[in-house]
Amino acid sequence: MARIIGVEIPSDKRIDIALRYIYGIGPKNALRVLEVAQIEGSVRAKDLTEEQLSRIVKAIQDGKYIIEGDLRREIGMNLKRLQAIKCYRGVRHLRGLPVRGQRTSTNARTRKGPRKTVGVQRAKAATP
């Protein structure tokens, strides 16, 4: 497996797909990085030379992409800021509810988790 900026990318996949395993690099950014590095996207990751790998790393660093830990930290700080100022989005994040206006009376199971059945507790029946 090849390592690019501290991330193991799968060696048997095409390099344009394998670059997407880096957090913060999606389909468009992967193609842009390969274009700058002058590498064809159909090449398998295991077939890349050290020189090609270094060109990819240089293209990512020169492109000023925010990736991996920095991106995770930035997203986390944004959520903390929203929660600290108690805005609507921040409160929804705190409560684990949908943030972007989806309905919650039905559905929303991904955010709310499995249903919690609310039922009546019966007292033990008196036996004669």
N, C-alpha and C. Protein backbone atom coordinates (compact mmCIF):
# COMPACT_ATOMS: atom_id res chain seq x y z
N MET A 1 0.83 -1.19 0.00
CA MET A 1 0.00 0.00 0.00
C MET A 1 0.87 1.25 0.00
N ALA A 2 0.48 2.19 -0.81
CA ALA A 2 1.22 3.45 -0.89
C ALA A 2 0.71 4.40 0.19
N ARG A 3 1.61 5.22 0.70
CA ARG A 3 1.23 6.23 1.70
C ARG A 3 1.36 7.61 1.07
N ILE A 4 0.28 8.37 1.14
CA ILE A 4 0.30 9.75 0.65
C ILE A 4 -0.17 10.62 1.81
N ILE A 5 0.70 11.50 2.28
CA ILE A 5 0.42 12.42 3.38
C ILE A 5 -0.13 11.66 4.59
N GLY A 6 0.51 10.55 4.93
CA GLY A 6 0.14 9.81 6.13
C GLY A 6 -1.10 8.95 6.00
N VAL A 7 -1.63 8.78 4.79
CA VAL A 7 -2.83 7.98 4.58
C VAL A 7 -2.49 6.81 3.68
N GLU A 8 -2.86 5.60 4.12
CA GLU A 8 -2.67 4.42 3.28
C GLU A 8 -3.75 4.42 2.20
N ILE A 9 -3.33 4.42 0.95
CA ILE A 9 -4.31 4.35 -0.12
C ILE A 9 -4.26 2.93 -0.70
N PRO A 10 -5.41 2.38 -1.10
CA PRO A 10 -5.44 1.01 -1.61
C PRO A 10 -4.63 0.88 -2.90
N SER A 11 -3.78 -0.14 -2.96
CA SER A 11 -2.85 -0.26 -4.09
C SER A 11 -3.49 -0.85 -5.34
N ASP A 12 -4.59 -1.59 -5.19
CA ASP A 12 -5.17 -2.24 -6.37
C ASP A 12 -6.21 -1.38 -7.08
N LYS A 13 -6.46 -0.18 -6.58
CA LYS A 13 -7.43 0.70 -7.24
C LYS A 13 -6.73 1.70 -8.16
N ARG A 14 -7.51 2.25 -9.10
CA ARG A 14 -6.97 3.31 -9.95
C ARG A 14 -6.64 4.50 -9.07
N ILE A 15 -5.63 5.27 -9.46
CA ILE A 15 -5.16 6.36 -8.61
C ILE A 15 -6.20 7.46 -8.46
N ASP A 16 -7.03 7.69 -9.49
CA ASP A 16 -8.05 8.74 -9.34
C ASP A 16 -9.12 8.34 -8.32
N ILE A 17 -9.33 7.05 -8.12
CA ILE A 17 -10.26 6.57 -7.10
C ILE A 17 -9.54 6.47 -5.75
N ALA A 18 -8.30 6.02 -5.76
CA ALA A 18 -7.56 5.82 -4.51
C ALA A 18 -7.29 7.12 -3.78
N LEU A 19 -7.15 8.22 -4.50
CA LEU A 19 -6.90 9.52 -3.85
C LEU A 19 -8.09 9.97 -3.01
N ARG A 20 -9.28 9.45 -3.32
CA ARG A 20 -10.48 9.84 -2.57
C ARG A 20 -10.47 9.28 -1.15
N TYR A 21 -9.57 8.36 -0.85
CA TYR A 21 -9.46 7.82 0.50
C TYR A 21 -8.84 8.83 1.45
N ILE A 22 -8.28 9.90 0.91
CA ILE A 22 -7.75 10.98 1.73
C ILE A 22 -8.92 11.88 2.08
N TYR A 23 -9.16 12.09 3.38
CA TYR A 23 -10.28 12.89 3.84
C TYR A 23 -10.12 14.32 3.35
N GLY A 24 -11.09 14.81 2.59
CA GLY A 24 -11.04 16.16 2.07
C GLY A 24 -10.76 16.22 0.58
N ILE A 25 -10.46 15.06 -0.02
CA ILE A 25 -10.24 15.02 -1.47
C ILE A 25 -11.34 14.16 -2.08
N GLY A 26 -12.17 14.80 -2.88
CA GLY A 26 -13.27 14.10 -3.54
C GLY A 26 -12.95 13.87 -5.01
N PRO A 27 -13.97 13.51 -5.79
CA PRO A 27 -13.74 13.20 -7.20
C PRO A 27 -13.11 14.35 -8.00
N LYS A 28 -13.65 15.56 -7.85
CA LYS A 28 -13.13 16.70 -8.63
C LYS A 28 -11.71 17.05 -8.21
N ASN A 29 -11.48 17.11 -6.89
CA ASN A 29 -10.14 17.46 -6.42
C ASN A 29 -9.12 16.40 -6.80
N ALA A 30 -9.51 15.13 -6.80
CA ALA A 30 -8.59 14.06 -7.20
C ALA A 30 -8.15 14.24 -8.65
N LEU A 31 -9.10 14.54 -9.52
CA LEU A 31 -8.76 14.75 -10.93
C LEU A 31 -7.89 15.99 -11.11
N ARG A 32 -8.18 17.04 -10.33
CA ARG A 32 -7.39 18.27 -10.42
C ARG A 32 -5.95 18.02 -9.97
N VAL A 33 -5.79 17.26 -8.88
CA VAL A 33 -4.45 16.95 -8.37
C VAL A 33 -3.67 16.15 -9.40
N LEU A 34 -4.30 15.16 -10.02
CA LEU A 34 -3.62 14.35 -11.03
C LEU A 34 -3.26 15.17 -12.26
N GLU A 35 -4.12 16.13 -12.61
CA GLU A 35 -3.83 16.99 -13.76
C GLU A 35 -2.60 17.84 -13.48
N VAL A 36 -2.51 18.39 -12.27
CA VAL A 36 -1.36 19.21 -11.91
C VAL A 36 -0.09 18.36 -11.83
N ALA A 37 -0.24 17.13 -11.32
CA ALA A 37 0.91 16.23 -11.18
C ALA A 37 1.28 15.56 -12.51
N GLN A 38 0.46 15.76 -13.53
CA GLN A 38 0.66 15.18 -14.87
C GLN A 38 0.75 13.65 -14.81
N ILE A 39 -0.26 13.06 -14.16
CA ILE A 39 -0.36 11.60 -14.05
C ILE A 39 -1.72 11.21 -14.58
N GLU A 40 -1.75 10.12 -15.35
CA GLU A 40 -2.99 9.63 -15.91
C GLU A 40 -3.80 8.94 -14.81
N GLY A 41 -5.12 9.15 -14.80
CA GLY A 41 -5.97 8.61 -13.74
C GLY A 41 -6.17 7.12 -13.79
N SER A 42 -5.91 6.49 -14.93
CA SER A 42 -6.16 5.06 -15.06
C SER A 42 -5.04 4.20 -14.51
N VAL A 43 -3.94 4.80 -14.08
CA VAL A 43 -2.82 4.04 -13.54
C VAL A 43 -3.19 3.50 -12.16
N ARG A 44 -2.82 2.25 -11.89
CA ARG A 44 -3.07 1.65 -10.58
C ARG A 44 -2.10 2.25 -9.56
N ALA A 45 -2.55 2.35 -8.32
CA ALA A 45 -1.73 2.96 -7.28
C ALA A 45 -0.44 2.18 -7.04
N LYS A 46 -0.49 0.86 -7.21
CA LYS A 46 0.71 0.03 -6.97
C LYS A 46 1.76 0.22 -8.07
N ASP A 47 1.34 0.74 -9.21
CA ASP A 47 2.27 0.92 -10.33
C ASP A 47 2.94 2.30 -10.33
N LEU A 48 2.63 3.15 -9.35
CA LEU A 48 3.23 4.48 -9.31
C LEU A 48 4.68 4.40 -8.81
N THR A 49 5.51 5.24 -9.40
CA THR A 49 6.90 5.31 -8.94
C THR A 49 6.99 6.31 -7.77
N GLU A 50 8.12 6.29 -7.09
CA GLU A 50 8.33 7.23 -5.98
C GLU A 50 8.27 8.68 -6.49
N GLU A 51 8.78 8.90 -7.69
CA GLU A 51 8.77 10.25 -8.26
C GLU A 51 7.34 10.72 -8.51
N GLN A 52 6.48 9.82 -9.00
CA GLN A 52 5.08 10.17 -9.25
C GLN A 52 4.35 10.44 -7.93
N LEU A 53 4.64 9.63 -6.91
CA LEU A 53 4.02 9.84 -5.60
C LEU A 53 4.41 11.20 -5.03
N SER A 54 5.68 11.55 -5.20
CA SER A 54 6.13 12.85 -4.68
C SER A 54 5.48 14.00 -5.45
N ARG A 55 5.21 13.81 -6.74
CA ARG A 55 4.52 14.85 -7.52
C ARG A 55 3.08 15.02 -7.03
N ILE A 56 2.43 13.91 -6.67
CA ILE A 56 1.07 13.98 -6.15
C ILE A 56 1.05 14.74 -4.83
N VAL A 57 2.00 14.40 -3.93
CA VAL A 57 2.08 15.07 -2.63
C VAL A 57 2.33 16.56 -2.84
N LYS A 58 3.23 16.90 -3.76
CA LYS A 58 3.53 18.30 -4.03
C LYS A 58 2.31 19.02 -4.58
N ALA A 59 1.54 18.36 -5.46
CA ALA A 59 0.34 18.96 -6.04
C ALA A 59 -0.71 19.22 -4.96
N ILE A 60 -0.83 18.29 -4.00
CA ILE A 60 -1.80 18.47 -2.92
C ILE A 60 -1.38 19.64 -2.03
N GLN A 61 -0.09 19.70 -1.71
CA GLN A 61 0.38 20.77 -0.82
C GLN A 61 0.35 22.13 -1.51
N ASP A 62 0.69 22.17 -2.79
CA ASP A 62 0.67 23.45 -3.52
C ASP A 62 -0.75 23.92 -3.81
N GLY A 63 -1.69 22.98 -3.87
CA GLY A 63 -3.09 23.33 -4.15
C GLY A 63 -3.80 23.91 -2.95
N LYS A 64 -3.13 23.97 -1.82
CA LYS A 64 -3.69 24.54 -0.58
C LYS A 64 -4.98 23.83 -0.17
N TYR A 65 -5.03 22.50 -0.36
CA TYR A 65 -6.20 21.73 0.06
C TYR A 65 -6.12 21.52 1.57
N ILE A 66 -7.25 21.71 2.24
CA ILE A 66 -7.32 21.41 3.67
C ILE A 66 -7.77 19.95 3.76
N ILE A 67 -6.92 19.10 4.32
CA ILE A 67 -7.22 17.67 4.33
C ILE A 67 -6.97 17.08 5.71
N GLU A 68 -7.50 15.86 5.89
CA GLU A 68 -7.29 15.03 7.08
C GLU A 68 -7.50 15.78 8.39
N GLY A 69 -6.53 15.79 9.27
CA GLY A 69 -6.69 16.32 10.63
C GLY A 69 -7.08 17.78 10.67
N ASP A 70 -6.49 18.59 9.80
CA ASP A 70 -6.82 20.02 9.77
C ASP A 70 -8.29 20.23 9.42
N LEU A 71 -8.78 19.47 8.44
CA LEU A 71 -10.17 19.61 8.02
C LEU A 71 -11.11 19.12 9.11
N ARG A 72 -10.80 17.99 9.73
CA ARG A 72 -11.63 17.47 10.83
C ARG A 72 -11.68 18.48 11.97
N ARG A 73 -10.54 19.08 12.30
CA ARG A 73 -10.46 20.06 13.38
C ARG A 73 -11.29 21.29 13.04
N GLU A 74 -11.19 21.75 11.79
CA GLU A 74 -11.95 22.94 11.37
C GLU A 74 -13.45 22.69 11.44
N ILE A 75 -13.90 21.53 10.98
CA ILE A 75 -15.33 21.20 11.02
C ILE A 75 -15.80 21.10 12.47
N GLY A 76 -14.98 20.47 13.31
CA GLY A 76 -15.34 20.36 14.73
C GLY A 76 -15.44 21.72 15.41
N MET A 77 -14.51 22.62 15.07
CA MET A 77 -14.55 23.97 15.65
C MET A 77 -15.78 24.74 15.18
N ASN A 78 -16.16 24.55 13.90
CA ASN A 78 -17.37 25.20 13.40
C ASN A 78 -18.61 24.74 14.16
N LEU A 79 -18.69 23.42 14.43
CA LEU A 79 -19.83 22.90 15.17
C LEU A 79 -19.84 23.41 16.61
N LYS A 80 -18.67 23.46 17.23
CA LYS A 80 -18.57 23.97 18.60
C LYS A 80 -18.99 25.44 18.67
N ARG A 81 -18.62 26.22 17.66
CA ARG A 81 -19.00 27.63 17.61
C ARG A 81 -20.51 27.77 17.52
N LEU A 82 -21.14 26.97 16.64
CA LEU A 82 -22.60 27.03 16.49
C LEU A 82 -23.29 26.64 17.79
N GLN A 83 -22.74 25.64 18.48
CA GLN A 83 -23.34 25.19 19.74
C GLN A 83 -23.14 26.23 20.84
N ALA A 84 -21.99 26.90 20.82
CA ALA A 84 -21.70 27.88 21.87
C ALA A 84 -22.61 29.10 21.77
N ILE A 85 -22.93 29.53 20.55
CA ILE A 85 -23.79 30.72 20.42
C ILE A 85 -25.26 30.35 20.46
N LYS A 86 -25.55 29.07 20.63
CA LYS A 86 -26.91 28.56 20.78
C LYS A 86 -27.82 28.93 19.61
N CYS A 87 -27.27 28.90 18.41
CA CYS A 87 -28.12 29.15 17.24
C CYS A 87 -28.92 27.89 16.94
N TYR A 88 -29.87 27.99 16.05
CA TYR A 88 -30.78 26.88 15.75
C TYR A 88 -29.99 25.64 15.31
N ARG A 89 -29.06 25.83 14.39
CA ARG A 89 -28.28 24.69 13.90
C ARG A 89 -27.47 24.05 15.02
N GLY A 90 -26.90 24.89 15.89
CA GLY A 90 -26.11 24.36 16.98
C GLY A 90 -26.95 23.56 17.96
N VAL A 91 -28.15 24.03 18.25
CA VAL A 91 -29.05 23.32 19.16
C VAL A 91 -29.46 21.99 18.55
N ARG A 92 -29.74 21.98 17.25
CA ARG A 92 -30.11 20.72 16.58
C ARG A 92 -28.96 19.72 16.63
N HIS A 93 -27.74 20.19 16.47
CA HIS A 93 -26.58 19.30 16.59
C HIS A 93 -26.48 18.75 18.00
N LEU A 94 -26.68 19.61 19.00
CA LEU A 94 -26.61 19.17 20.39
C LEU A 94 -27.62 18.08 20.69
N ARG A 95 -28.83 18.24 20.19
CA ARG A 95 -29.91 17.30 20.49
C ARG A 95 -29.90 16.07 19.60
N GLY A 96 -29.02 16.07 18.59
CA GLY A 96 -28.95 14.91 17.68
C GLY A 96 -30.14 14.81 16.76
N LEU A 97 -30.68 15.95 16.36
CA LEU A 97 -31.82 15.99 15.45
C LEU A 97 -31.37 16.48 14.08
N PRO A 98 -32.20 16.31 13.03
CA PRO A 98 -31.82 16.80 11.71
C PRO A 98 -31.60 18.31 11.73
N VAL A 99 -30.59 18.76 10.99
CA VAL A 99 -30.16 20.15 11.06
C VAL A 99 -30.75 20.97 9.92
N ARG A 100 -31.01 20.36 8.80
CA ARG A 100 -31.31 21.13 7.59
C ARG A 100 -32.77 21.12 7.20
N GLY A 101 -33.66 21.16 8.18
CA GLY A 101 -35.07 21.37 7.89
C GLY A 101 -35.87 20.15 7.52
N GLN A 102 -35.32 18.95 7.72
CA GLN A 102 -36.09 17.76 7.39
C GLN A 102 -37.20 17.54 8.41
N ARG A 103 -38.22 16.78 8.02
CA ARG A 103 -39.31 16.49 8.95
C ARG A 103 -38.84 15.49 9.99
N THR A 104 -39.43 15.56 11.17
CA THR A 104 -39.03 14.65 12.24
C THR A 104 -40.20 13.85 12.80
N SER A 105 -41.44 14.17 12.41
CA SER A 105 -42.57 13.41 12.95
C SER A 105 -42.51 11.98 12.45
N THR A 106 -42.11 11.81 11.20
CA THR A 106 -41.80 10.47 10.69
C THR A 106 -40.40 10.55 10.12
N ASN A 107 -39.79 9.44 9.91
CA ASN A 107 -38.43 9.35 9.35
C ASN A 107 -37.40 9.96 10.30
N ALA A 108 -36.31 10.48 9.81
CA ALA A 108 -35.21 11.05 10.59
C ALA A 108 -34.57 10.01 11.49
N ARG A 109 -34.66 8.75 11.13
CA ARG A 109 -34.14 7.68 11.99
C ARG A 109 -32.62 7.65 12.01
N THR A 110 -31.98 8.14 10.99
CA THR A 110 -30.52 8.15 10.98
C THR A 110 -30.00 9.05 12.09
N ARG A 111 -30.59 10.23 12.25
CA ARG A 111 -30.15 11.16 13.28
C ARG A 111 -30.70 10.80 14.66
N LYS A 112 -31.97 10.38 14.71
CA LYS A 112 -32.61 10.16 16.01
C LYS A 112 -32.27 8.80 16.61
N GLY A 113 -31.81 7.86 15.78
CA GLY A 113 -31.51 6.53 16.29
C GLY A 113 -32.75 5.64 16.26
N PRO A 114 -32.61 4.40 16.74
CA PRO A 114 -33.77 3.50 16.71
C PRO A 114 -34.89 4.00 17.62
N ARG A 115 -36.12 3.59 17.28
CA ARG A 115 -37.29 4.05 18.04
C ARG A 115 -37.22 3.59 19.49
N LYS A 116 -37.65 4.47 20.38
CA LYS A 116 -37.75 4.12 21.79
C LYS A 116 -39.24 4.04 22.10
N THR A 117 -39.74 2.84 22.28
CA THR A 117 -41.16 2.67 22.52
C THR A 117 -41.52 3.21 23.89
N VAL A 118 -42.56 4.04 23.91
CA VAL A 118 -43.05 4.61 25.15
C VAL A 118 -44.36 3.91 25.46
N GLY A 119 -44.40 3.15 26.53
CA GLY A 119 -45.61 2.41 26.87
C GLY A 119 -45.98 2.61 28.31
N VAL A 120 -47.12 2.05 28.69
CA VAL A 120 -47.61 2.17 30.05
C VAL A 120 -47.00 1.05 30.88
N GLN A 121 -46.50 1.39 32.07
CA GLN A 121 -45.96 0.39 32.98
C GLN A 121 -47.12 -0.16 33.81
N ARG A 122 -47.29 -1.45 33.76
CA ARG A 122 -48.38 -2.06 34.53
C ARG A 122 -47.85 -2.43 35.91
N ALA A 123 -48.72 -2.21 36.89
CA ALA A 123 -48.39 -2.65 38.25
C ALA A 123 -48.63 -4.14 38.32
N LYS A 124 -47.90 -4.82 39.23
CA LYS A 124 -48.11 -6.27 39.36
C LYS A 124 -49.53 -6.55 39.80
N ALA A 125 -50.16 -7.49 39.12
CA ALA A 125 -51.55 -7.83 39.46
C ALA A 125 -51.60 -8.52 40.82
N ALA A 126 -52.54 -8.12 41.62
CA ALA A 126 -52.69 -8.73 42.96
C ALA A 126 -53.24 -10.14 42.80
N THR A 127 -52.54 -11.10 43.35
CA THR A 127 -53.00 -12.50 43.25
C THR A 127 -53.80 -12.84 44.48
N PRO A 128 -54.99 -13.51 44.32
CA PRO A 128 -55.83 -13.85 45.47
C PRO A 128 -55.35 -15.06 46.25
